């Protein structure tokens, strides 16, 4: 039995938000968009999501103005976060931190650092060195202690993310 996609009868902002980002794979797609993943094939390879499911989730995110389809190299379109999508960063950061605290064996796979001084970003989004609130455009994602060498997930996105990379900048292999 397929579950409904909406929360009919719930007049709650959280329920409305979950209608957009609450389905399986959706926040991982948004996370990867922050990492700089832009092409359909790269989302599919990195996440291992079935292509039909990925198409459905990307369509929902575009219709909700979280992602936009924009011209890419050649004749292909790519996806990028809209301002509405970028405003999801505190949610992605908080859930990542929660997962790192409770489920990351060996430490976090990736860490977030302030580009201005290379210091870690605290759970509240502030730089641990200069104490400034850090805009998502000024965050570097870098390999953390939980990201082991090699393994079963050596797709091009994982390989590219084995090097420090500025959030929201297109990822290159």
Protein backbone atom coordinates (compact mmCIF):
# COMPACT_ATOMS: atom_id res chain seq x y z
CA UNK A 1 0.00 0.00 0.00
CA UNK A 2 1.36 3.38 -0.99
CA UNK A 3 1.27 6.06 1.67
CA UNK A 4 -0.23 9.41 0.74
CA UNK A 5 2.21 12.22 -0.02
CA UNK A 6 0.38 14.89 1.90
CA UNK A 7 -0.80 15.44 5.43
CA UNK A 8 -4.44 16.19 4.71
CA UNK A 9 -6.06 17.68 7.76
CA UNK A 10 -2.81 18.88 9.29
CA UNK A 11 -2.66 22.67 9.34
CA UNK A 12 0.92 22.76 10.49
CA UNK A 13 4.03 24.27 8.90
CA UNK A 14 6.05 21.16 9.75
CA UNK A 15 3.52 18.97 7.93
CA UNK A 16 3.64 21.28 4.89
CA UNK A 17 7.45 21.14 4.95
CA UNK A 18 7.47 17.35 5.20
CA UNK A 19 5.28 17.17 2.10
CA UNK A 20 8.27 18.59 0.21
CA UNK A 21 11.36 17.21 1.98
CA UNK A 22 10.02 14.35 4.09
CA UNK A 23 10.12 11.52 1.58
CA UNK A 24 12.97 9.04 1.51
CA UNK A 25 15.96 10.29 -0.53
CA UNK A 26 14.78 13.91 -0.69
CA UNK A 27 17.03 15.42 1.98
CA UNK A 28 19.96 13.40 0.64
CA UNK A 29 19.35 14.96 -2.78
CA UNK A 30 19.27 18.41 -1.13
CA UNK A 31 22.45 17.59 0.81
CA UNK A 32 24.20 16.55 -2.40
CA UNK A 33 23.05 19.77 -4.08
CA UNK A 34 24.77 21.69 -1.25
CA UNK A 35 27.88 19.58 -1.95
CA UNK A 36 27.78 20.79 -5.55
CA UNK A 37 26.20 17.79 -7.28
CA UNK A 38 24.28 19.13 -10.25
CA UNK A 39 23.79 16.35 -12.82
CA UNK A 40 21.10 13.68 -12.71
CA UNK A 41 23.61 10.90 -13.30
CA UNK A 42 25.82 12.11 -10.45
CA UNK A 43 22.88 12.17 -8.02
CA UNK A 44 21.97 8.64 -9.15
CA UNK A 45 25.53 7.30 -8.87
CA UNK A 46 26.29 8.87 -5.49
CA UNK A 47 23.01 8.05 -3.80
CA UNK A 48 22.24 4.70 -5.41
CA UNK A 49 18.61 5.82 -5.72
CA UNK A 50 16.46 4.17 -8.40
CA UNK A 51 16.24 6.48 -11.41
CA UNK A 52 12.42 6.62 -11.37
CA UNK A 53 12.47 7.64 -7.70
CA UNK A 54 15.17 10.24 -8.38
CA UNK A 55 13.14 11.68 -11.26
CA UNK A 56 10.09 11.93 -8.99
CA UNK A 57 12.00 13.58 -6.14
CA UNK A 58 13.78 16.06 -8.43
CA UNK A 59 10.45 16.97 -10.06
CA UNK A 60 8.90 17.59 -6.63
CA UNK A 61 11.86 19.76 -5.57
CA UNK A 62 11.72 21.78 -8.80
CA UNK A 63 7.94 22.25 -8.52
CA UNK A 64 8.39 23.41 -4.91
CA UNK A 65 11.12 25.88 -6.01
CA UNK A 66 13.76 24.18 -3.85
CA UNK A 67 15.80 23.27 -6.94
CA UNK A 68 15.88 24.86 -10.39
CA UNK A 69 16.77 23.30 -13.71
CA UNK A 70 19.33 25.52 -15.41
CA UNK A 71 21.36 25.21 -18.61
CA UNK A 72 24.49 23.16 -18.09
CA UNK A 73 27.39 22.11 -20.26
CA UNK A 74 26.37 21.20 -23.77
CA UNK A 75 22.65 20.73 -24.15
CA UNK A 76 22.09 19.22 -20.74
CA UNK A 77 20.23 20.84 -17.92
CA UNK A 78 21.59 20.66 -14.39
CA UNK A 79 20.04 21.27 -11.00
CA UNK A 80 20.96 23.96 -8.52
CA UNK A 81 19.51 25.13 -5.26
CA UNK A 82 17.24 28.16 -5.36
CA UNK A 83 17.29 30.72 -2.54
CA UNK A 84 14.42 28.74 -0.99
CA UNK A 85 16.54 25.59 -1.24
CA UNK A 86 19.60 27.32 0.23
CA UNK A 87 17.44 28.30 3.21
CA UNK A 88 17.27 24.57 4.06
CA UNK A 89 20.96 24.62 5.06
CA UNK A 90 20.29 24.91 8.83
CA UNK A 91 18.04 21.83 8.59
CA UNK A 92 20.65 19.81 6.66
CA UNK A 93 23.43 20.95 9.01
CA UNK A 94 21.38 20.11 12.12
CA UNK A 95 20.34 16.65 10.91
CA UNK A 96 23.90 15.90 9.82
CA UNK A 97 25.19 16.94 13.24
CA UNK A 98 22.57 14.84 14.99
CA UNK A 99 23.50 11.82 12.88
CA UNK A 100 27.21 12.42 13.48
CA UNK A 101 26.62 12.57 17.23
CA UNK A 102 24.47 9.46 17.49
CA UNK A 103 25.30 7.20 14.55
CA UNK A 104 28.70 7.99 13.02
CA UNK A 105 30.99 5.12 13.92
CA UNK A 106 34.55 6.33 13.65
CA UNK A 107 33.48 9.97 13.53
CA UNK A 108 31.75 12.06 10.87
CA UNK A 109 32.38 11.18 7.22
CA UNK A 110 32.57 14.86 6.36
CA UNK A 111 33.23 17.99 8.40
CA UNK A 112 32.31 21.60 7.77
CA UNK A 113 34.92 24.34 8.10
CA UNK A 114 34.89 28.14 7.81
CA UNK A 115 36.69 29.22 4.64
CA UNK A 116 37.98 32.38 6.35
CA UNK A 117 40.06 30.62 9.01
CA UNK A 118 39.67 26.85 8.38
CA UNK A 119 38.05 26.38 11.81
CA UNK A 120 35.21 23.91 12.38
CA UNK A 121 31.62 25.08 12.27
CA UNK A 122 29.75 24.54 15.55
CA UNK A 123 26.28 22.98 15.77
CA UNK A 124 24.75 26.46 15.94
CA UNK A 125 26.37 27.45 12.61
CA UNK A 126 29.04 29.68 14.14
CA UNK A 127 32.76 29.44 13.54
CA UNK A 128 34.53 27.88 16.52
CA UNK A 129 37.50 30.25 16.13
CA UNK A 130 36.07 33.67 15.26
CA UNK A 131 32.55 33.02 16.65
CA UNK A 132 30.94 34.60 13.56
CA UNK A 133 27.78 33.10 12.09
CA UNK A 134 28.96 31.43 8.88
CA UNK A 135 26.98 31.80 5.67
CA UNK A 136 26.63 28.55 3.74
CA UNK A 137 28.62 30.08 0.86
CA UNK A 138 31.59 30.38 3.22
CA UNK A 139 31.68 26.73 4.27
CA UNK A 140 34.13 24.11 3.11
CA UNK A 141 33.13 20.44 3.27
CA UNK A 142 36.15 18.25 3.93
CA UNK A 143 36.75 14.56 4.64
CA UNK A 144 36.19 13.65 8.27
CA UNK A 145 37.65 10.85 10.37
CA UNK A 146 34.75 8.52 9.49
CA UNK A 147 35.46 8.63 5.76
CA UNK A 148 37.57 5.56 5.26
CA UNK A 149 39.94 5.10 2.31
CA UNK A 150 38.38 3.48 -0.74
CA UNK A 151 35.49 1.12 -0.40
CA UNK A 152 32.26 0.26 -2.06
CA UNK A 153 31.19 3.86 -2.64
CA UNK A 154 33.98 5.11 -4.88
CA UNK A 155 31.63 6.77 -7.35
CA UNK A 156 32.85 10.03 -8.95
CA UNK A 157 31.03 12.21 -6.41
CA UNK A 158 32.53 10.39 -3.41
CA UNK A 159 35.97 10.59 -5.00
CA UNK A 160 35.57 14.34 -5.65
CA UNK A 161 34.39 14.86 -2.07
CA UNK A 162 37.53 13.17 -0.77
CA UNK A 163 39.11 16.61 -1.27
CA UNK A 164 37.94 19.80 0.49
CA UNK A 165 35.24 21.54 -1.52
CA UNK A 166 33.30 24.77 -1.03
CA UNK A 167 29.56 24.24 -0.55
CA UNK A 168 27.29 25.28 -3.43
CA UNK A 169 30.17 25.29 -5.92
CA UNK A 170 29.69 22.82 -8.78
CA UNK A 171 31.49 19.58 -8.05
CA UNK A 172 34.08 18.47 -10.56
CA UNK A 173 35.52 14.96 -10.64
